[in-house]
Amino acid sequence: MTTISPRQHAALERRHDLTTGRHQALGNLLGRVWAVDQVGVEERAASLAKRSIKREAKLWALDMIVRMTDLTTLEGKDTPGKIRALAGKARRPDPTDPTIPSVAALCVYPNMIPAARQALRGSQVKIAAVATYFPSGQAPLEVKLADVRQAVAMGADEIDMVIDRGAFLTGDYGTVYDQIGTVKEACGAAHLKVILETGELETYDNVRRASVLAMAAGADFIKTSTGKVQPAATLPVTLVMLEAIRDFHAQTGRAVGMKPAGGIRTAKEAISYLTVLYETLGPEWMTPDRFRFGASSLLNDVLMQIRKERTGRYSGTDYFTLD
């Protein structure tokens, strides 16, 4: 007769809970995910993008975009010096104008966390780190978890993880769900943003399904893209994800944030995203705690637009630091 140790028994109980409890809840949620009307989504996104706002509202929106920005650098050539310079910009986007707020977070690779932490000491700017074998996600779970735990130990306030798109596209939703839940546990007190990499998900139906799956598994935010795959963020995809957040909140009472990332380069584009956000989720989501922009070049254009609205003239592109 085989004897099962207490540790093995506990592991079996956890596995049973995953397959009969968590997976059952996931199945119930995914069973209520209906097909997305592609034409309707694209037409509504295009219509909302045409909305114009008055000067006072525009200044408010530009200020909010700064507050919502995750200033990002994810290059193989990143250096501690570059991170320190970018951290300075994150703290004071326009050194000549103290009324410009800090950005929400500085997003970096894990090995750049110490430099970011030192440069941001005393500020309210969060440190976000990409993890789970970013950007592909093609690594064993143990490697992904080690990546997350190390980033948190080094001082990350937020973790941006990538889902296993290969598992998702083959219909292995349980594996994706379990990995997100396990990563969430590894994050501890750090917030978890789950990157769907929507440019690889192929359909709006898949985007909605992946959004629900990530939220059910415990995501604090859902995020469009790594910025390494085209297309990255688009307004219709963001609308699909925001509608999934709205419906998830109505069903569960839990509020989940949203982060479009990749390809948003102008203030005009960003304002269109805020318009879609407001019309879909309302004023409660118009805060950095529930909405972020993942961007590198967006901030300079926003600063130029703020200067133009206040003075009536544009500053040259060389007026602000290059990112």
C-alpha atoms as a PDB file:
ATOM      1  CA  MET A   1       0.000   0.000   0.000  1.00  0.00           C
ATOM      2  CA  THR A   2       1.412   3.395  -1.005  1.00  0.00           C
ATOM      3  CA  THR A   3       1.669   5.968   1.758  1.00  0.00           C
ATOM      4  CA  ILE A   4       0.978   9.607   0.855  1.00  0.00           C
ATOM      5  CA  SER A   5       2.896  12.184   2.835  1.00  0.00           C
ATOM      6  CA  PRO A   6       1.112  15.241   4.276  1.00  0.00           C
ATOM      7  CA  ARG A   7       2.862  17.447   1.705  1.00  0.00           C
ATOM      8  CA  GLN A   8       1.689  15.239  -1.187  1.00  0.00           C
ATOM      9  CA  HIS A   9      -1.828  15.195   0.244  1.00  0.00           C
ATOM     10  CA  ALA A  10      -1.873  19.007   0.438  1.00  0.00           C
ATOM     11  CA  ALA A  11      -0.632  19.207  -3.163  1.00  0.00           C
ATOM     12  CA  LEU A  12      -3.396  16.869  -4.307  1.00  0.00           C
ATOM     13  CA  GLU A  13      -5.984  18.968  -2.479  1.00  0.00           C
ATOM     14  CA  ARG A  14      -4.675  22.139  -4.145  1.00  0.00           C
ATOM     15  CA  ARG A  15      -4.792  20.453  -7.570  1.00  0.00           C
ATOM     16  CA  HIS A  16      -8.344  19.254  -6.882  1.00  0.00           C
ATOM     17  CA  ASP A  17      -9.324  22.803  -5.928  1.00  0.00           C
ATOM     18  CA  LEU A  18      -7.838  24.115  -9.169  1.00  0.00           C
ATOM     19  CA  THR A  19      -9.647  21.635 -11.382  1.00  0.00           C
ATOM     20  CA  THR A  20     -13.018  21.598  -9.620  1.00  0.00           C
ATOM     21  CA  GLY A  21     -13.192  25.054  -8.052  1.00  0.00           C
ATOM     22  CA  ARG A  22     -11.216  27.682  -9.917  1.00  0.00           C
ATOM     23  CA  HIS A  23     -11.673  26.033 -13.301  1.00  0.00           C
ATOM     24  CA  GLN A  24     -15.388  25.629 -12.718  1.00  0.00           C
ATOM     25  CA  ALA A  25     -15.666  29.346 -11.945  1.00  0.00           C
ATOM     26  CA  LEU A  26     -13.639  30.114 -15.078  1.00  0.00           C
ATOM     27  CA  GLY A  27     -15.867  27.866 -17.165  1.00  0.00           C
ATOM     28  CA  ASN A  28     -18.952  29.656 -15.886  1.00  0.00           C
ATOM     29  CA  LEU A  29     -17.484  33.046 -16.793  1.00  0.00           C
ATOM     30  CA  LEU A  30     -16.200  32.027 -20.232  1.00  0.00           C
ATOM     31  CA  GLY A  31     -19.526  30.395 -20.950  1.00  0.00           C
ATOM     32  CA  ARG A  32     -21.105  33.838 -20.751  1.00  0.00           C
ATOM     33  CA  VAL A  33     -18.610  35.454 -23.163  1.00  0.00           C
ATOM     34  CA  TRP A  34     -20.575  36.304 -26.263  1.00  0.00           C
ATOM     35  CA  ALA A  35     -19.278  37.011 -29.765  1.00  0.00           C
ATOM     36  CA  VAL A  36     -18.046  40.532 -30.486  1.00  0.00           C
ATOM     37  CA  ASP A  37     -19.785  42.512 -33.236  1.00  0.00           C
ATOM     38  CA  GLN A  38     -16.712  43.519 -35.259  1.00  0.00           C
ATOM     39  CA  VAL A  39     -18.504  46.127 -37.370  1.00  0.00           C
ATOM     40  CA  GLY A  40     -20.239  47.614 -34.335  1.00  0.00           C
ATOM     41  CA  VAL A  41     -17.040  47.864 -32.296  1.00  0.00           C
ATOM     42  CA  GLU A  42     -15.047  49.479 -35.082  1.00  0.00           C
ATOM     43  CA  GLU A  43     -17.808  51.945 -35.933  1.00  0.00           C
ATOM     44  CA  ARG A  44     -18.284  52.980 -32.293  1.00  0.00           C
ATOM     45  CA  ALA A  45     -14.538  53.401 -31.754  1.00  0.00           C
ATOM     46  CA  ALA A  46     -14.261  55.524 -34.896  1.00  0.00           C
ATOM     47  CA  SER A  47     -17.237  57.636 -33.838  1.00  0.00           C
ATOM     48  CA  LEU A  48     -15.869  58.300 -30.343  1.00  0.00           C
ATOM     49  CA  ALA A  49     -12.460  59.187 -31.789  1.00  0.00           C
ATOM     50  CA  LYS A  50     -14.086  62.093 -33.662  1.00  0.00           C
ATOM     51  CA  ARG A  51     -15.348  63.756 -30.487  1.00  0.00           C
ATOM     52  CA  SER A  52     -13.894  67.219 -29.923  1.00  0.00           C
ATOM     53  CA  ILE A  53     -13.379  68.778 -26.503  1.00  0.00           C
ATOM     54  CA  LYS A  54     -13.109  72.405 -25.439  1.00  0.00           C
ATOM     55  CA  ARG A  55      -9.925  74.073 -24.228  1.00  0.00           C
ATOM     56  CA  GLU A  56     -10.565  73.689 -20.466  1.00  0.00           C
ATOM     57  CA  ALA A  57     -11.488  70.035 -20.851  1.00  0.00           C
ATOM     58  CA  LYS A  58      -8.503  69.486 -23.125  1.00  0.00           C
ATOM     59  CA  LEU A  59      -6.072  70.892 -20.548  1.00  0.00           C
ATOM     60  CA  TRP A  60      -7.623  68.622 -17.918  1.00  0.00           C
ATOM     61  CA  ALA A  61      -7.293  65.637 -20.256  1.00  0.00           C
ATOM     62  CA  LEU A  62      -3.646  66.423 -21.075  1.00  0.00           C
ATOM     63  CA  ASP A  63      -2.823  66.699 -17.372  1.00  0.00           C
ATOM     64  CA  MET A  64      -4.566  63.371 -16.740  1.00  0.00           C
ATOM     65  CA  ILE A  65      -2.635  61.676 -19.562  1.00  0.00           C
ATOM     66  CA  VAL A  66       0.635  62.678 -17.885  1.00  0.00           C
ATOM     67  CA  ARG A  67      -0.592  61.288 -14.559  1.00  0.00           C
ATOM     68  CA  MET A  68      -1.657  58.052 -16.278  1.00  0.00           C
ATOM     69  CA  THR A  69       1.577  57.439 -18.191  1.00  0.00           C
ATOM     70  CA  ASP A  70       3.855  54.465 -17.554  1.00  0.00           C
ATOM     71  CA  LEU A  71       7.024  55.976 -19.028  1.00  0.00           C
ATOM     72  CA  THR A  72       8.682  52.991 -20.641  1.00  0.00           C
ATOM     73  CA  THR A  73      12.065  51.852 -21.895  1.00  0.00           C
ATOM     74  CA  LEU A  74      12.498  48.192 -22.825  1.00  0.00           C
ATOM     75  CA  GLU A  75      15.588  48.050 -24.993  1.00  0.00           C
ATOM     76  CA  GLY A  76      18.557  45.724 -24.916  1.00  0.00           C
ATOM     77  CA  LYS A  77      20.812  48.793 -24.864  1.00  0.00           C
ATOM     78  CA  ASP A  78      19.252  50.283 -21.709  1.00  0.00           C
ATOM     79  CA  THR A  79      21.870  51.436 -19.200  1.00  0.00           C
ATOM     80  CA  PRO A  80      21.688  52.679 -15.594  1.00  0.00           C
ATOM     81  CA  GLY A  81      22.500  56.151 -16.895  1.00  0.00           C
ATOM     82  CA  LYS A  82      19.545  56.102 -19.275  1.00  0.00           C
ATOM     83  CA  ILE A  83      17.278  54.874 -16.482  1.00  0.00           C
ATOM     84  CA  ARG A  84      18.411  57.691 -14.175  1.00  0.00           C
ATOM     85  CA  ALA A  85      17.734  60.253 -16.895  1.00  0.00           C
ATOM     86  CA  LEU A  86      14.302  58.791 -17.616  1.00  0.00           C
ATOM     87  CA  ALA A  87      13.523  58.673 -13.891  1.00  0.00           C
ATOM     88  CA  GLY A  88      14.249  62.385 -13.711  1.00  0.00           C
ATOM     89  CA  LYS A  89      11.773  62.960 -16.513  1.00  0.00           C
ATOM     90  CA  ALA A  90       9.229  60.711 -14.787  1.00  0.00           C
ATOM     91  CA  ARG A  91       9.467  62.859 -11.654  1.00  0.00           C
ATOM     92  CA  ARG A  92       9.519  66.225 -13.439  1.00  0.00           C
ATOM     93  CA  PRO A  93       8.356  65.822 -17.047  1.00  0.00           C
ATOM     94  CA  ASP A  94       8.964  69.547 -17.710  1.00  0.00           C
ATOM     95  CA  PRO A  95      11.663  70.917 -15.351  1.00  0.00           C
ATOM     96  CA  THR A  96      10.649  74.478 -16.261  1.00  0.00           C
ATOM     97  CA  ASP A  97       7.021  73.977 -15.216  1.00  0.00           C
ATOM     98  CA  PRO A  98       6.392  72.685 -11.671  1.00  0.00           C
ATOM     99  CA  THR A  99       2.640  72.490 -12.342  1.00  0.00           C
ATOM    100  CA  ILE A 100       3.165  69.478 -14.622  1.00  0.00           C
ATOM    101  CA  PRO A 101       2.551  66.334 -12.508  1.00  0.00           C
ATOM    102  CA  SER A 102       4.729  63.268 -12.255  1.00  0.00           C
ATOM    103  CA  VAL A 103       3.905  60.224 -14.360  1.00  0.00           C
ATOM    104  CA  ALA A 104       2.342  57.147 -12.795  1.00  0.00           C
ATOM    105  CA  ALA A 105       5.259  54.733 -13.199  1.00  0.00           C
ATOM    106  CA  LEU A 106       8.579  54.025 -14.836  1.00  0.00           C
ATOM    107  CA  CYS A 107       8.490  50.672 -16.649  1.00  0.00           C
ATOM    108  CA  VAL A 108      11.818  48.843 -17.079  1.00  0.00           C
ATOM    109  CA  TYR A 109      13.448  45.442 -17.345  1.00  0.00           C
ATOM    110  CA  PRO A 110      14.062  43.798 -13.949  1.00  0.00           C
ATOM    111  CA  ASN A 111      17.824  44.324 -13.906  1.00  0.00           C
ATOM    112  CA  MET A 112      17.230  48.090 -14.194  1.00  0.00           C
ATOM    113  CA  ILE A 113      15.059  48.195 -11.050  1.00  0.00           C
ATOM    114  CA  PRO A 114      17.931  49.173  -8.675  1.00  0.00           C
ATOM    115  CA  ALA A 115      18.868  52.190 -10.793  1.00  0.00           C
ATOM    116  CA  ALA A 116      15.215  53.214 -11.073  1.00  0.00           C
ATOM    117  CA  ARG A 117      14.616  52.750  -7.367  1.00  0.00           C
ATOM    118  CA  GLN A 118      17.582  54.904  -6.421  1.00  0.00           C
ATOM    119  CA  ALA A 119      16.637  57.660  -8.878  1.00  0.00           C
ATOM    120  CA  LEU A 120      12.967  57.688  -7.837  1.00  0.00           C
ATOM    121  CA  ARG A 121      13.565  57.635  -4.079  1.00  0.00           C
ATOM    122  CA  GLY A 122      11.254  60.087  -2.335  1.00  0.00           C
ATOM    123  CA  SER A 123       8.847  60.404  -5.281  1.00  0.00           C
ATOM    124  CA  GLN A 124       5.374  58.976  -5.839  1.00  0.00           C
ATOM    125  CA  VAL A 125       6.386  57.386  -9.156  1.00  0.00           C
ATOM    126  CA  LYS A 126       5.929  53.618  -9.108  1.00  0.00           C
ATOM    127  CA  ILE A 127       8.418  51.126 -10.517  1.00  0.00           C
ATOM    128  CA  ALA A 128       6.875  48.707 -12.992  1.00  0.00           C
ATOM    129  CA  ALA A 129       8.892  45.757 -14.253  1.00  0.00           C
ATOM    130  CA  VAL A 130       8.130  43.402 -17.110  1.00  0.00           C
ATOM    131  CA  ALA A 131       8.465  39.743 -16.196  1.00  0.00           C
ATOM    132  CA  THR A 132       7.458  36.144 -17.031  1.00  0.00           C
ATOM    133  CA  TYR A 133       9.976  35.883 -19.884  1.00  0.00           C
ATOM    134  CA  PHE A 134       8.829  39.103 -21.571  1.00  0.00           C
ATOM    135  CA  PRO A 135       7.936  39.512 -24.415  1.00  0.00           C
ATOM    136  CA  SER A 136       7.388  35.932 -25.645  1.00  0.00           C
ATOM    137  CA  GLY A 137       6.273  34.227 -22.433  1.00  0.00           C
ATOM    138  CA  GLN A 138       7.804  31.045 -23.816  1.00  0.00           C
ATOM    139  CA  ALA A 139       9.477  29.627 -20.723  1.00  0.00           C
ATOM    140  CA  PRO A 140       8.673  27.050 -18.034  1.00  0.00           C
ATOM    141  CA  LEU A 141       6.453  28.307 -15.225  1.00  0.00           C
ATOM    142  CA  GLU A 142       9.295  27.958 -12.723  1.00  0.00           C
ATOM    143  CA  VAL A 143      11.395  30.391 -14.746  1.00  0.00           C
ATOM    144  CA  LYS A 144       8.513  32.862 -14.966  1.00  0.00           C
ATOM    145  CA  LEU A 145       7.875  32.712 -11.233  1.00  0.00           C
ATOM    146  CA  ALA A 146      11.554  33.199 -10.436  1.00  0.00           C
ATOM    147  CA  ASP A 147      11.515  36.226 -12.752  1.00  0.00           C
ATOM    148  CA  VAL A 148       8.552  37.719 -10.865  1.00  0.00           C
ATOM    149  CA  ARG A 149       9.869  36.997  -7.372  1.00  0.00           C
ATOM    150  CA  GLN A 150      13.252  38.489  -8.197  1.00  0.00           C
ATOM    151  CA  ALA A 151      11.681  41.645  -9.626  1.00  0.00           C
ATOM    152  CA  VAL A 152       9.518  42.086  -6.523  1.00  0.00           C
ATOM    153  CA  ALA A 153      12.501  41.452  -4.247  1.00  0.00           C
ATOM    154  CA  MET A 154      14.466  44.126  -6.123  1.00  0.00           C
ATOM    155  CA  GLY A 155      11.754  46.684  -5.486  1.00  0.00           C
ATOM    156  CA  ALA A 156       9.128  46.522  -8.242  1.00  0.00           C
ATOM    157  CA  ASP A 157       5.764  47.984  -7.214  1.00  0.00           C
ATOM    158  CA  GLU A 158       4.028  46.573 -10.285  1.00  0.00           C
ATOM    159  CA  ILE A 159       4.599  43.539 -12.488  1.00  0.00           C
ATOM    160  CA  ASP A 160       3.651  43.475 -16.177  1.00  0.00           C
ATOM    161  CA  MET A 161       3.396  39.807 -17.162  1.00  0.00           C
ATOM    162  CA  VAL A 162       2.706  38.218 -20.546  1.00  0.00           C
ATOM    163  CA  ILE A 163       0.269  35.377 -21.072  1.00  0.00           C
ATOM    164  CA  ASP A 164       1.167  32.163 -22.864  1.00  0.00           C
ATOM    165  CA  ARG A 165      -0.420  32.972 -26.229  1.00  0.00           C
ATOM    166  CA  GLY A 166       0.444  29.534 -27.582  1.00  0.00           C
ATOM    167  CA  ALA A 167      -1.578  27.850 -24.841  1.00  0.00           C
ATOM    168  CA  PHE A 168      -4.428  30.310 -25.267  1.00  0.00           C
ATOM    169  CA  LEU A 169      -4.667  29.896 -29.041  1.00  0.00           C
ATOM    170  CA  THR A 170      -4.784  26.091 -28.718  1.00  0.00           C
ATOM    171  CA  GLY A 171      -7.719  26.423 -26.328  1.00  0.00           C
ATOM    172  CA  ASP A 172      -5.769  25.492 -23.202  1.00  0.00           C
ATOM    173  CA  TYR A 173      -7.428  28.193 -21.137  1.00  0.00           C
ATOM    174  CA  GLY A 174      -6.900  26.328 -17.884  1.00  0.00           C
ATOM    175  CA  THR A 175      -3.117  26.544 -18.187  1.00  0.00           C
ATOM    176  CA  VAL A 176      -3.241  30.277 -18.914  1.00  0.00           C
ATOM    177  CA  TYR A 177      -5.642  30.820 -16.029  1.00  0.00           C
ATOM    178  CA  ASP A 178      -3.516  28.831 -13.579  1.00  0.00           C
ATOM    179  CA  GLN A 179      -0.320  30.601 -14.615  1.00  0.00           C
ATOM    180  CA  ILE A 180      -1.849  34.042 -14.099  1.00  0.00           C
ATOM    181  CA  GLY A 181      -3.180  33.007 -10.691  1.00  0.00           C
ATOM    182  CA  THR A 182       0.185  31.592  -9.659  1.00  0.00           C
ATOM    183  CA  VAL A 183       2.012  34.716 -10.847  1.00  0.00           C
ATOM    184  CA  LYS A 184      -0.481  36.857  -8.919  1.00  0.00           C
ATOM    185  CA  GLU A 185       0.407  34.947  -5.771  1.00  0.00           C
ATOM    186  CA  ALA A 186       4.129  35.427  -6.477  1.00  0.00           C
ATOM    187  CA  CYS A 187       3.583  39.193  -6.808  1.00  0.00           C
ATOM    188  CA  GLY A 188       2.689  39.536  -3.141  1.00  0.00           C
ATOM    189  CA  ALA A 189       1.772  43.183  -2.553  1.00  0.00           C
ATOM    190  CA  ALA A 190       2.844  44.254  -6.057  1.00  0.00           C
ATOM    191  CA  HIS A 191       0.059  44.959  -8.542  1.00  0.00           C
ATOM    192  CA  LEU A 192      -0.236  42.664 -11.548  1.00  0.00           C
ATOM    193  CA  LYS A 193      -0.850  43.868 -15.096  1.00  0.00           C
ATOM    194  CA  VAL A 194      -1.570  41.019 -17.510  1.00  0.00           C
ATOM    195  CA  ILE A 195      -0.440  41.612 -21.116  1.00  0.00           C
ATOM    196  CA  LEU A 196      -2.662  39.841 -23.641  1.00  0.00           C
ATOM    197  CA  GLU A 197      -0.527  40.716 -26.711  1.00  0.00           C
ATOM    198  CA  THR A 198      -3.697  41.389 -28.669  1.00  0.00           C
ATOM    199  CA  GLY A 199      -1.827  41.622 -31.983  1.00  0.00           C
ATOM    200  CA  GLU A 200      -1.313  37.851 -31.755  1.00  0.00           C
ATOM    201  CA  LEU A 201      -4.832  36.922 -30.603  1.00  0.00           C
ATOM    202  CA  GLU A 202      -6.251  37.237 -34.130  1.00  0.00           C
ATOM    203  CA  THR A 203      -9.915  38.073 -33.342  1.00  0.00           C
ATOM    204  CA  TYR A 204     -11.952  40.397 -31.139  1.00  0.00           C
ATOM    205  CA  ASP A 205     -13.657  37.312 -29.712  1.00  0.00           C
ATOM    206  CA  ASN A 206     -10.286  36.061 -28.500  1.00  0.00           C
ATOM    207  CA  VAL A 207      -9.460  39.480 -27.040  1.00  0.00           C
ATOM    208  CA  ARG A 208     -12.667  39.481 -25.022  1.00  0.00           C
ATOM    209  CA  ARG A 209     -12.190  35.886 -23.906  1.00  0.00           C
ATOM    210  CA  ALA A 210      -8.586  36.516 -22.834  1.00  0.00           C
ATOM    211  CA  SER A 211      -9.662  39.650 -20.974  1.00  0.00           C
ATOM    212  CA  VAL A 212     -12.255  37.761 -18.952  1.00  0.00           C
ATOM    213  CA  LEU A 213      -9.830  34.919 -18.297  1.00  0.00           C
ATOM    214  CA  ALA A 214      -7.131  37.298 -16.991  1.00  0.00           C
ATOM    215  CA  MET A 215      -9.559  39.171 -14.747  1.00  0.00           C
ATOM    216  CA  ALA A 216     -11.017  35.960 -13.349  1.00  0.00           C
ATOM    217  CA  ALA A 217      -7.483  34.763 -12.537  1.00  0.00           C
ATOM    218  CA  GLY A 218      -6.779  37.870 -10.456  1.00  0.00           C
ATOM    219  CA  ALA A 219      -5.312  40.559 -12.748  1.00  0.00           C
ATOM    220  CA  ASP A 220      -5.313  44.061 -11.272  1.00  0.00           C
ATOM    221  CA  PHE A 221      -4.985  45.482 -14.804  1.00  0.00           C
ATOM    222  CA  ILE A 222      -5.328  44.027 -18.270  1.00  0.00           C
ATOM    223  CA  LYS A 223      -2.950  45.396 -20.903  1.00  0.00           C
ATOM    224  CA  THR A 224      -3.065  45.260 -24.686  1.00  0.00           C
ATOM    225  CA  SER A 225       0.506  44.727 -25.790  1.00  0.00           C
ATOM    226  CA  THR A 226       4.213  44.397 -25.167  1.00  0.00           C
ATOM    227  CA  GLY A 227       4.969  47.008 -27.818  1.00  0.00           C
ATOM    228  CA  LYS A 228       7.125  44.405 -29.589  1.00  0.00           C
ATOM    229  CA  VAL A 229       4.344  43.075 -31.870  1.00  0.00           C
ATOM    230  CA  GLN A 230       2.326  44.929 -34.501  1.00  0.00           C
ATOM    231  CA  PRO A 231      -0.448  45.844 -34.346  1.00  0.00           C
ATOM    232  CA  ALA A 232      -0.104  46.940 -30.735  1.00  0.00           C
ATOM    233  CA  ALA A 233      -2.797  49.039 -29.029  1.00  0.00           C
ATOM    234  CA  THR A 234      -5.745  50.046 -31.194  1.00  0.00           C
ATOM    235  CA  LEU A 235      -8.906  51.886 -30.239  1.00  0.00           C
ATOM    236  CA  PRO A 236     -11.311  49.054 -31.227  1.00  0.00           C
ATOM    237  CA  VAL A 237      -9.300  46.461 -29.263  1.00  0.00           C
ATOM    238  CA  THR A 238      -9.217  48.782 -26.267  1.00  0.00           C
ATOM    239  CA  LEU A 239     -12.983  49.237 -26.518  1.00  0.00           C
ATOM    240  CA  VAL A 240     -13.479  45.451 -26.500  1.00  0.00           C
ATOM    241  CA  MET A 241     -11.310  45.170 -23.369  1.00  0.00           C
ATOM    242  CA  LEU A 242     -13.069  48.071 -21.626  1.00  0.00           C
ATOM    243  CA  GLU A 243     -16.448  46.499 -22.315  1.00  0.00           C
ATOM    244  CA  ALA A 244     -15.153  43.232 -20.850  1.00  0.00           C
ATOM    245  CA  ILE A 245     -14.055  45.153 -17.733  1.00  0.00           C
ATOM    246  CA  ARG A 246     -17.484  46.808 -17.501  1.00  0.00           C
ATOM    247  CA  ASP A 247     -19.327  43.499 -17.729  1.00  0.00           C
ATOM    248  CA  PHE A 248     -16.925  41.734 -15.357  1.00  0.00           C
ATOM    249  CA  HIS A 249     -17.438  44.497 -12.802  1.00  0.00           C
ATOM    250  CA  ALA A 250     -21.213  44.203 -13.163  1.00  0.00           C
ATOM    251  CA  GLN A 251     -21.040  40.426 -12.611  1.00  0.00           C
ATOM    252  CA  THR A 252     -18.460  40.286  -9.810  1.00  0.00           C
ATOM    253  CA  GLY A 253     -18.252  43.750  -8.254  1.00  0.00           C
ATOM    254  CA  ARG A 254     -14.472  43.818  -8.759  1.00  0.00           C
ATOM    255  CA  ALA A 255     -12.948  46.806 -10.543  1.00  0.00           C
ATOM    256  CA  VAL A 256     -10.053  46.001 -12.901  1.00  0.00           C
ATOM    257  CA  GLY A 257      -7.784  48.555 -14.566  1.00  0.00           C
ATOM    258  CA  MET A 258      -6.827  48.911 -18.227  1.00  0.00           C
ATOM    259  CA  LYS A 259      -3.529  49.744 -19.952  1.00  0.00           C
ATOM    260  CA  PRO A 260      -3.281  50.266 -23.712  1.00  0.00           C
ATOM    261  CA  ALA A 261       0.378  50.120 -24.703  1.00  0.00           C
ATOM    262  CA  GLY A 262       2.378  50.371 -27.889  1.00  0.00           C
ATOM    263  CA  GLY A 263       1.932  52.782 -30.784  1.00  0.00           C
ATOM    264  CA  ILE A 264       0.165  55.630 -28.927  1.00  0.00           C
ATOM    265  CA  ARG A 265       2.375  58.568 -29.857  1.00  0.00           C
ATOM    266  CA  THR A 266       0.264  61.736 -29.924  1.00  0.00           C
ATOM    267  CA  ALA A 267      -1.869  63.633 -27.449  1.00  0.00           C
ATOM    268  CA  LYS A 268      -4.752  63.555 -29.910  1.00  0.00           C
ATOM    269  CA  GLU A 269      -4.677  59.750 -29.968  1.00  0.00           C
ATOM    270  CA  ALA A 270      -4.462  59.558 -26.182  1.00  0.00           C
ATOM    271  CA  ILE A 271      -7.450  61.878 -25.757  1.00  0.00           C
ATOM    272  CA  SER A 272      -9.446  59.534 -28.013  1.00  0.00           C
ATOM    273  CA  TYR A 273      -8.607  56.691 -25.625  1.00  0.00           C
ATOM    274  CA  LEU A 274      -9.811  58.776 -22.666  1.00  0.00           C
ATOM    275  CA  THR A 275     -13.042  59.496 -24.522  1.00  0.00           C
ATOM    276  CA  VAL A 276     -13.654  55.787 -25.087  1.00  0.00           C
ATOM    277  CA  LEU A 277     -12.769  55.116 -21.437  1.00  0.00           C
ATOM    278  CA  TYR A 278     -15.223  57.722 -20.146  1.00  0.00           C
ATOM    279  CA  GLU A 279     -18.057  56.624 -22.417  1.00  0.00           C
ATOM    280  CA  THR A 280     -17.579  52.941 -21.540  1.00  0.00           C
ATOM    281  CA  LEU A 281     -16.664  52.906 -17.842  1.00  0.00           C
ATOM    282  CA  GLY A 282     -17.503  56.389 -16.611  1.00  0.00           C
ATOM    283  CA  PRO A 283     -15.672  58.865 -14.366  1.00  0.00           C
ATOM    284  CA  GLU A 284     -14.742  56.232 -11.747  1.00  0.00           C
ATOM    285  CA  TRP A 285     -12.119  54.877 -14.154  1.00  0.00           C
ATOM    286  CA  MET A 286     -10.628  58.294 -14.998  1.00  0.00           C
ATOM    287  CA  THR A 287      -7.744  57.838 -12.583  1.00  0.00           C
ATOM    288  CA  PRO A 288      -4.190  56.403 -12.742  1.00  0.00           C
ATOM    289  CA  ASP A 289      -5.319  53.734 -10.296  1.00  0.00           C
ATOM    290  CA  ARG A 290      -7.555  52.284 -13.029  1.00  0.00           C
ATOM    291  CA  PHE A 291      -6.113  53.438 -16.349  1.00  0.00           C
ATOM    292  CA  ARG A 292      -2.567  53.758 -17.704  1.00  0.00           C
ATOM    293  CA  PHE A 293      -0.872  54.504 -20.996  1.00  0.00           C
ATOM    294  CA  GLY A 294       2.212  52.428 -21.771  1.00  0.00           C
ATOM    295  CA  ALA A 295       4.335  54.787 -23.851  1.00  0.00           C
ATOM    296  CA  SER A 296       7.791  56.135 -24.597  1.00  0.00           C
ATOM    297  CA  SER A 297       7.280  58.955 -27.113  1.00  0.00           C
ATOM    298  CA  LEU A 298       3.768  60.068 -26.075  1.00  0.00           C
ATOM    299  CA  LEU A 299       4.860  62.246 -23.167  1.00  0.00           C
ATOM    300  CA  ASN A 300       6.766  64.798 -25.259  1.00  0.00           C
ATOM    301  CA  ASP A 301       3.796  65.441 -27.534  1.00  0.00           C
ATOM    302  CA  VAL A 302       1.516  65.879 -24.521  1.00  0.00           C
ATOM    303  CA  LEU A 303       3.951  68.418 -23.026  1.00  0.00           C
ATOM    304  CA  MET A 304       4.040  70.283 -26.341  1.00  0.00           C
ATOM    305  CA  GLN A 305       0.244  70.390 -26.446  1.00  0.00           C
ATOM    306  CA  ILE A 306       0.037  71.682 -22.870  1.00  0.00           C
ATOM    307  CA  ARG A 307       2.500  74.454 -23.720  1.00  0.00           C
ATOM    308  CA  LYS A 308       0.511  75.311 -26.843  1.00  0.00           C
ATOM    309  CA  GLU A 309      -2.823  75.463 -24.991  1.00  0.00           C
ATOM    310  CA  ARG A 310      -1.344  77.727 -22.310  1.00  0.00           C
ATOM    311  CA  THR A 311       0.704  80.076 -24.503  1.00  0.00           C
ATOM    312  CA  GLY A 312      -0.966  79.839 -27.898  1.00  0.00           C
ATOM    313  CA  ARG A 313       2.200  78.659 -29.628  1.00  0.00           C
ATOM    314  CA  TYR A 314       4.037  75.374 -30.112  1.00  0.00           C
ATOM    315  CA  SER A 315       7.478  74.742 -28.684  1.00  0.00           C
ATOM    316  CA  GLY A 316      10.039  73.099 -30.935  1.00  0.00           C
ATOM    317  CA  THR A 317      10.461  69.338 -30.729  1.00  0.00           C
ATOM    318  CA  ASP A 318      13.942  69.868 -29.299  1.00  0.00           C
ATOM    319  CA  TYR A 319      12.533  71.829 -26.328  1.00  0.00           C
ATOM    320  CA  PHE A 320      11.885  68.622 -24.360  1.00  0.00           C
ATOM    321  CA  THR A 321      14.311  65.832 -23.627  1.00  0.00           C
ATOM    322  CA  LEU A 322      14.417  62.848 -25.958  1.00  0.00           C
ATOM    323  CA  ASP A 323      13.324  59.534 -24.430  1.00  0.00           C
END
